[in-house]
Structure formats: structure tokens, C-alpha cells
Amino acid sequence: MTEGEKKLINTFEARVRHFIYLHEELRKENDDLKLLLLDKDEEIDKISKSLKELQTNYANLKIAKALNAESGGDTAKTKQRLSNIVREIDKCIALLNN
């Protein structure tokens, strides 16, 4: 083997080692990004659940305000109206069960 061929082989080996190193670094970076993505997905799920809960609370508040407004702003009248609605619903459920 000539001196030129030895240099060529050494250069080739150095490049292969460098590419192996780069491959490992990219693999580590990819693994880190996958973990980050999972964390972000979990965060999005938590925020989505919170948003749904807030939307439900807002809808309930709107209903409560509407009922209160129908009763002229009187809390006692609103409670009585809700009690009547609950009794009506119970009657309907009882009729459906028969």
C-alpha cells in the first residue's frame, strides 16, 4: 500500500468517525425534541381541559344571570324558580321511567 493510499484511508476513517459523531448528536437532539413535544402535548391537554371547564362555568353563569333577571333580580325568587324547574324535571323523569 502506498503512502497516498494510507492517507486516503486515514482521511476516509476520520470522515466516517465524524459522521458517526454527528449521527449520535442528531439522535440525542431528536430524543430531546421528542420529550419536549410530549411535554408540550401534555401542557396543551391541561390547557384544553381548563378552557372547557371555564366555558362550562361561563355558560352556567349566563344561565344563572338569565334566571335571576327573569325573577327581577330577587335571589329568593330565583331559588324558587330553580326549585320549580327541578321538580318539573323530576316529574318528567318519573314519567319516562314508567
C-alpha atoms as a PDB file:
ATOM      1  CA  MET A   1       0.000   0.000   0.000  1.00  0.00           C
ATOM      2  CA  THR A   2       1.421   3.344  -0.976  1.00  0.00           C
ATOM      3  CA  GLU A   3       1.689   6.425   1.206  1.00  0.00           C
ATOM      4  CA  GLY A   4      -1.103   8.158  -0.770  1.00  0.00           C
ATOM      5  CA  GLU A   5      -3.450   5.236  -0.250  1.00  0.00           C
ATOM      6  CA  LYS A   6      -2.743   5.233   3.507  1.00  0.00           C
ATOM      7  CA  LYS A   7      -3.543   8.958   3.699  1.00  0.00           C
ATOM      8  CA  LEU A   8      -6.728   8.379   1.723  1.00  0.00           C
ATOM      9  CA  ILE A   9      -7.801   5.563   4.079  1.00  0.00           C
ATOM     10  CA  ASN A  10      -6.979   7.691   7.145  1.00  0.00           C
ATOM     11  CA  THR A  11      -8.982  10.591   5.738  1.00  0.00           C
ATOM     12  CA  PHE A  12     -11.870   8.254   4.973  1.00  0.00           C
ATOM     13  CA  GLU A  13     -11.770   6.811   8.529  1.00  0.00           C
ATOM     14  CA  ALA A  14     -11.694  10.312  10.036  1.00  0.00           C
ATOM     15  CA  ARG A  15     -14.708  11.350   7.982  1.00  0.00           C
ATOM     16  CA  VAL A  16     -16.618   8.186   8.911  1.00  0.00           C
ATOM     17  CA  ARG A  17     -15.892   8.820  12.622  1.00  0.00           C
ATOM     18  CA  HIS A  18     -17.015  12.409  12.206  1.00  0.00           C
ATOM     19  CA  PHE A  19     -20.261  11.316  10.543  1.00  0.00           C
ATOM     20  CA  ILE A  20     -20.861   8.754  13.298  1.00  0.00           C
ATOM     21  CA  TYR A  21     -20.354  11.518  15.863  1.00  0.00           C
ATOM     22  CA  LEU A  22     -22.745  13.815  14.011  1.00  0.00           C
ATOM     23  CA  HIS A  23     -25.286  10.995  13.757  1.00  0.00           C
ATOM     24  CA  GLU A  24     -25.162  10.425  17.539  1.00  0.00           C
ATOM     25  CA  GLU A  25     -25.521  14.144  18.221  1.00  0.00           C
ATOM     26  CA  LEU A  26     -28.541  14.355  15.939  1.00  0.00           C
ATOM     27  CA  ARG A  27     -30.055  11.285  17.569  1.00  0.00           C
ATOM     28  CA  LYS A  28     -29.669  12.896  21.010  1.00  0.00           C
ATOM     29  CA  GLU A  29     -31.185  16.131  19.746  1.00  0.00           C
ATOM     30  CA  ASN A  30     -34.078  14.200  18.206  1.00  0.00           C
ATOM     31  CA  ASP A  31     -34.723  12.392  21.501  1.00  0.00           C
ATOM     32  CA  ASP A  32     -34.688  15.704  23.369  1.00  0.00           C
ATOM     33  CA  LEU A  33     -37.127  17.215  20.883  1.00  0.00           C
ATOM     34  CA  LYS A  34     -39.450  14.225  21.226  1.00  0.00           C
ATOM     35  CA  LEU A  35     -39.506  14.688  25.002  1.00  0.00           C
ATOM     36  CA  LEU A  36     -40.159  18.384  24.582  1.00  0.00           C
ATOM     37  CA  LEU A  37     -43.007  17.610  22.204  1.00  0.00           C
ATOM     38  CA  LEU A  38     -44.570  15.218  24.724  1.00  0.00           C
ATOM     39  CA  ASP A  39     -44.328  17.871  27.429  1.00  0.00           C
ATOM     40  CA  LYS A  40     -45.979  20.423  25.181  1.00  0.00           C
ATOM     41  CA  ASP A  41     -48.751  17.957  24.271  1.00  0.00           C
ATOM     42  CA  GLU A  42     -49.445  17.406  27.977  1.00  0.00           C
ATOM     43  CA  GLU A  43     -49.495  21.149  28.558  1.00  0.00           C
ATOM     44  CA  ILE A  44     -51.931  21.617  25.672  1.00  0.00           C
ATOM     45  CA  ASP A  45     -54.196  18.911  27.133  1.00  0.00           C
ATOM     46  CA  LYS A  46     -54.204  20.624  30.531  1.00  0.00           C
ATOM     47  CA  ILE A  47     -54.973  23.989  28.986  1.00  0.00           C
ATOM     48  CA  SER A  48     -57.743  22.481  26.853  1.00  0.00           C
ATOM     49  CA  LYS A  49     -59.356  20.911  29.916  1.00  0.00           C
ATOM     50  CA  SER A  50     -59.108  24.209  31.750  1.00  0.00           C
ATOM     51  CA  LEU A  51     -60.672  26.017  28.800  1.00  0.00           C
ATOM     52  CA  LYS A  52     -63.591  23.569  28.675  1.00  0.00           C
ATOM     53  CA  GLU A  53     -64.141  23.976  32.409  1.00  0.00           C
ATOM     54  CA  LEU A  54     -64.097  27.757  32.100  1.00  0.00           C
ATOM     55  CA  GLN A  55     -66.524  27.635  29.170  1.00  0.00           C
ATOM     56  CA  THR A  56     -68.873  25.447  31.199  1.00  0.00           C
ATOM     57  CA  ASN A  57     -68.642  27.818  34.153  1.00  0.00           C
ATOM     58  CA  TYR A  58     -69.325  30.768  31.876  1.00  0.00           C
ATOM     59  CA  ALA A  59     -72.366  29.060  30.360  1.00  0.00           C
ATOM     60  CA  ASN A  60     -73.667  28.276  33.847  1.00  0.00           C
ATOM     61  CA  LEU A  61     -73.131  31.882  34.891  1.00  0.00           C
ATOM     62  CA  LYS A  62     -75.048  33.127  31.863  1.00  0.00           C
ATOM     63  CA  ILE A  63     -77.948  30.803  32.703  1.00  0.00           C
ATOM     64  CA  ALA A  64     -77.919  31.897  36.339  1.00  0.00           C
ATOM     65  CA  LYS A  65     -77.929  35.562  35.360  1.00  0.00           C
ATOM     66  CA  ALA A  66     -80.780  34.962  32.914  1.00  0.00           C
ATOM     67  CA  LEU A  67     -82.809  33.202  35.578  1.00  0.00           C
ATOM     68  CA  ASN A  68     -82.042  35.944  38.066  1.00  0.00           C
ATOM     69  CA  ALA A  69     -83.047  38.614  35.557  1.00  0.00           C
ATOM     70  CA  GLU A  70     -86.361  36.851  34.889  1.00  0.00           C
ATOM     71  CA  SER A  71     -87.048  36.952  38.624  1.00  0.00           C
ATOM     72  CA  GLY A  72     -86.440  40.659  38.787  1.00  0.00           C
ATOM     73  CA  GLY A  73     -83.031  40.256  40.433  1.00  0.00           C
ATOM     74  CA  ASP A  74     -84.556  38.712  43.570  1.00  0.00           C
ATOM     75  CA  THR A  75     -82.427  35.795  44.809  1.00  0.00           C
ATOM     76  CA  ALA A  76     -85.304  34.179  46.695  1.00  0.00           C
ATOM     77  CA  LYS A  77     -87.462  34.218  43.567  1.00  0.00           C
ATOM     78  CA  THR A  78     -84.603  32.742  41.552  1.00  0.00           C
ATOM     79  CA  LYS A  79     -84.154  29.905  44.045  1.00  0.00           C
ATOM     80  CA  GLN A  80     -87.893  29.221  43.982  1.00  0.00           C
ATOM     81  CA  ARG A  81     -87.876  29.200  40.175  1.00  0.00           C
ATOM     82  CA  LEU A  82     -84.970  26.736  40.136  1.00  0.00           C
ATOM     83  CA  SER A  83     -86.759  24.523  42.640  1.00  0.00           C
ATOM     84  CA  ASN A  84     -89.821  24.505  40.396  1.00  0.00           C
ATOM     85  CA  ILE A  85     -87.701  23.624  37.367  1.00  0.00           C
ATOM     86  CA  VAL A  86     -86.036  20.756  39.266  1.00  0.00           C
ATOM     87  CA  ARG A  87     -89.443  19.418  40.351  1.00  0.00           C
ATOM     88  CA  GLU A  88     -90.660  19.567  36.745  1.00  0.00           C
ATOM     89  CA  ILE A  89     -87.578  17.679  35.577  1.00  0.00           C
ATOM     90  CA  ASP A  90     -88.108  15.047  38.299  1.00  0.00           C
ATOM     91  CA  LYS A  91     -91.712  14.620  37.168  1.00  0.00           C
ATOM     92  CA  CYS A  92     -90.594  14.188  33.551  1.00  0.00           C
ATOM     93  CA  ILE A  93     -88.001  11.601  34.546  1.00  0.00           C
ATOM     94  CA  ALA A  94     -90.587   9.717  36.579  1.00  0.00           C
ATOM     95  CA  LEU A  95     -92.962   9.709  33.601  1.00  0.00           C
ATOM     96  CA  LEU A  96     -90.209   8.439  31.313  1.00  0.00           C
ATOM     97  CA  ASN A  97     -89.338   5.615  33.714  1.00  0.00           C
ATOM     98  CA  ASN A  98     -92.934   4.327  33.734  1.00  0.00           C
END
